[in-house]
Amino acid sequence: MTKKVYFNKANGYYMEYDDKRDMYIQQHQVKMEKKIGRRLREDERVHHKNEKKSDNRMSNLKLTTAKQHAIAHRERWVGKNNPSYNMSQKHKESLKKAWEKRKMKYGPTGAKNPEKLKVLGRKTGGLRKSYSK
């Protein structure tokens, strides 16, 4: 049987079909699960050492905890690399006001249809919110 793999342009990851789960999973997760002989736990992440999402060689992948993974990527957002670094204080305040206004209108999630929100289990990177149909 041939592997079903495609490149997801939206998130930059290769996706591989997993027969057992009957769904597409990020390929680096599938490779790491095969190496360790089990599914990833909820608090585990697969880190790309060179930070290239499409480089799924085992020599470039490292199993980490969610906390370790966040620390590894924190450097990207420090100082001038932070998207809000060059943002004026006035612009930051306007964004904060817009978010507060949205929360007042739609509730703490800021979602237009919070009753349709459901939490999905680990599929492509921990818990995430999705709209049900």
Protein backbone atom coordinates (compact mmCIF):
# COMPACT_ATOMS: atom_id res chain seq x y z
CA MET A 1 0.00 0.00 0.00
CA THR A 2 1.35 3.44 -0.90
CA LYS A 3 1.60 6.18 1.70
CA LYS A 4 -0.84 9.03 1.25
CA VAL A 5 1.14 12.23 1.82
CA TYR A 6 0.44 15.82 0.80
CA PHE A 7 1.92 19.22 1.57
CA ASN A 8 -0.43 21.54 3.42
CA LYS A 9 0.37 25.04 2.14
CA ALA A 10 -1.76 26.64 4.86
CA ASN A 11 0.36 25.40 7.77
CA GLY A 12 3.62 24.39 6.01
CA TYR A 13 3.61 20.76 7.17
CA TYR A 14 3.58 17.49 5.26
CA MET A 15 0.48 15.52 6.20
CA GLU A 16 0.42 11.71 6.19
CA TYR A 17 -2.65 9.50 6.29
CA ASP A 18 -2.88 7.28 9.38
CA ASP A 19 -5.03 4.19 8.74
CA LYS A 20 -5.52 3.45 12.44
CA ARG A 21 -6.95 6.90 13.16
CA ASP A 22 -8.55 7.25 9.72
CA MET A 23 -7.25 10.78 9.30
CA TYR A 24 -4.27 12.85 8.15
CA ILE A 25 -1.60 13.62 10.79
CA GLN A 26 1.44 15.85 10.54
CA GLN A 27 4.17 13.64 9.10
CA HIS A 28 6.78 14.50 11.74
CA GLN A 29 4.39 13.26 14.43
CA VAL A 30 3.79 9.98 12.56
CA LYS A 31 7.56 9.42 12.17
CA MET A 32 8.24 10.10 15.86
CA GLU A 33 5.40 7.78 16.93
CA LYS A 34 6.89 4.99 14.80
CA LYS A 35 10.33 5.58 16.34
CA ILE A 36 9.14 5.51 19.96
CA GLY A 37 6.60 2.74 19.32
CA ARG A 38 3.55 4.52 20.73
CA ARG A 39 1.29 7.51 20.19
CA LEU A 40 2.40 10.89 21.47
CA ARG A 41 1.04 11.88 24.86
CA GLU A 42 -1.04 15.04 25.21
CA ASP A 43 1.92 16.95 26.69
CA GLU A 44 4.48 15.87 24.06
CA ARG A 45 5.58 17.77 20.96
CA VAL A 46 7.93 17.00 18.09
CA HIS A 47 10.45 19.79 17.59
CA HIS A 48 12.15 20.53 14.25
CA LYS A 49 15.73 21.35 15.30
CA ASN A 50 16.38 23.56 12.26
CA GLU A 51 12.85 25.05 12.52
CA LYS A 52 12.02 24.03 8.94
CA LYS A 53 8.56 22.48 9.12
CA SER A 54 9.02 20.51 5.92
CA ASP A 55 12.32 18.86 7.02
CA ASN A 56 11.09 15.59 8.52
CA ARG A 57 14.38 13.68 8.67
CA MET A 58 14.67 11.83 11.99
CA SER A 59 18.02 13.56 12.59
CA ASN A 60 16.11 16.87 12.58
CA LEU A 61 13.30 15.77 14.91
CA LYS A 62 13.38 15.80 18.71
CA LEU A 63 10.70 14.64 21.16
CA THR A 64 10.04 17.33 23.78
CA THR A 65 7.43 18.27 26.33
CA ALA A 66 5.04 21.11 25.48
CA LYS A 67 6.90 23.35 27.96
CA GLN A 68 10.34 22.55 26.49
CA HIS A 69 8.95 23.19 23.00
CA ALA A 70 7.58 26.59 24.00
CA ILE A 71 10.95 27.54 25.52
CA ALA A 72 12.77 26.42 22.35
CA HIS A 73 10.62 28.73 20.25
CA ARG A 74 10.57 31.65 22.68
CA GLU A 75 13.80 33.08 21.25
CA ARG A 76 11.98 33.81 18.01
CA TRP A 77 9.66 36.26 19.76
CA VAL A 78 12.13 38.12 21.98
CA GLY A 79 12.99 41.75 21.29
CA LYS A 80 12.97 42.89 17.67
CA ASN A 81 11.63 39.52 16.46
CA ASN A 82 8.37 40.10 18.33
CA PRO A 83 5.66 41.29 15.88
CA SER A 84 4.52 43.94 18.37
CA TYR A 85 8.07 45.30 18.90
CA ASN A 86 7.72 48.10 16.36
CA MET A 87 4.02 48.60 17.01
CA SER A 88 3.14 51.95 18.53
CA GLN A 89 1.59 52.03 22.00
CA LYS A 90 -1.52 53.61 20.46
CA HIS A 91 -1.88 50.69 18.03
CA LYS A 92 -1.39 48.14 20.85
CA GLU A 93 -4.12 49.87 22.87
CA SER A 94 -6.52 49.92 19.91
CA LEU A 95 -6.00 46.17 19.39
CA LYS A 96 -6.62 45.52 23.08
CA LYS A 97 -9.82 47.63 23.00
CA ALA A 98 -11.06 45.79 19.89
CA TRP A 99 -10.48 42.42 21.59
CA GLU A 100 -12.26 43.56 24.77
CA LYS A 101 -15.18 44.82 22.68
CA ARG A 102 -15.38 41.46 20.89
CA LYS A 103 -15.33 39.59 24.22
CA MET A 104 -18.14 41.84 25.51
CA LYS A 105 -20.21 41.06 22.42
CA TYR A 106 -19.45 37.33 22.04
CA GLY A 107 -18.32 36.21 25.50
CA PRO A 108 -14.93 35.18 26.90
CA THR A 109 -13.97 33.09 23.86
CA GLY A 110 -14.60 35.94 21.43
CA ALA A 111 -16.33 33.42 19.16
CA LYS A 112 -19.45 34.41 17.23
CA ASN A 113 -21.05 31.00 17.82
CA PRO A 114 -19.65 29.71 21.13
CA GLU A 115 -22.34 27.04 21.37
CA LYS A 116 -20.84 25.45 18.25
CA LEU A 117 -17.32 25.37 19.69
CA LYS A 118 -16.07 21.95 20.63
CA VAL A 119 -12.70 20.85 21.88
CA LEU A 120 -10.98 18.20 19.81
CA GLY A 121 -8.40 15.79 21.13
CA ARG A 122 -4.78 15.67 19.98
CA LYS A 123 -4.75 15.54 16.20
CA THR A 124 -2.22 18.02 14.93
CA GLY A 125 -0.87 19.70 18.00
CA GLY A 126 -2.76 19.52 21.27
CA LEU A 127 -6.20 20.75 22.10
CA ARG A 128 -7.73 23.11 19.63
CA LYS A 129 -11.13 24.63 19.08
CA SER A 130 -13.18 23.88 16.04
CA TYR A 131 -16.67 24.58 14.82
CA SER A 132 -19.04 21.68 14.55
CA LYS A 133 -21.20 21.40 11.47
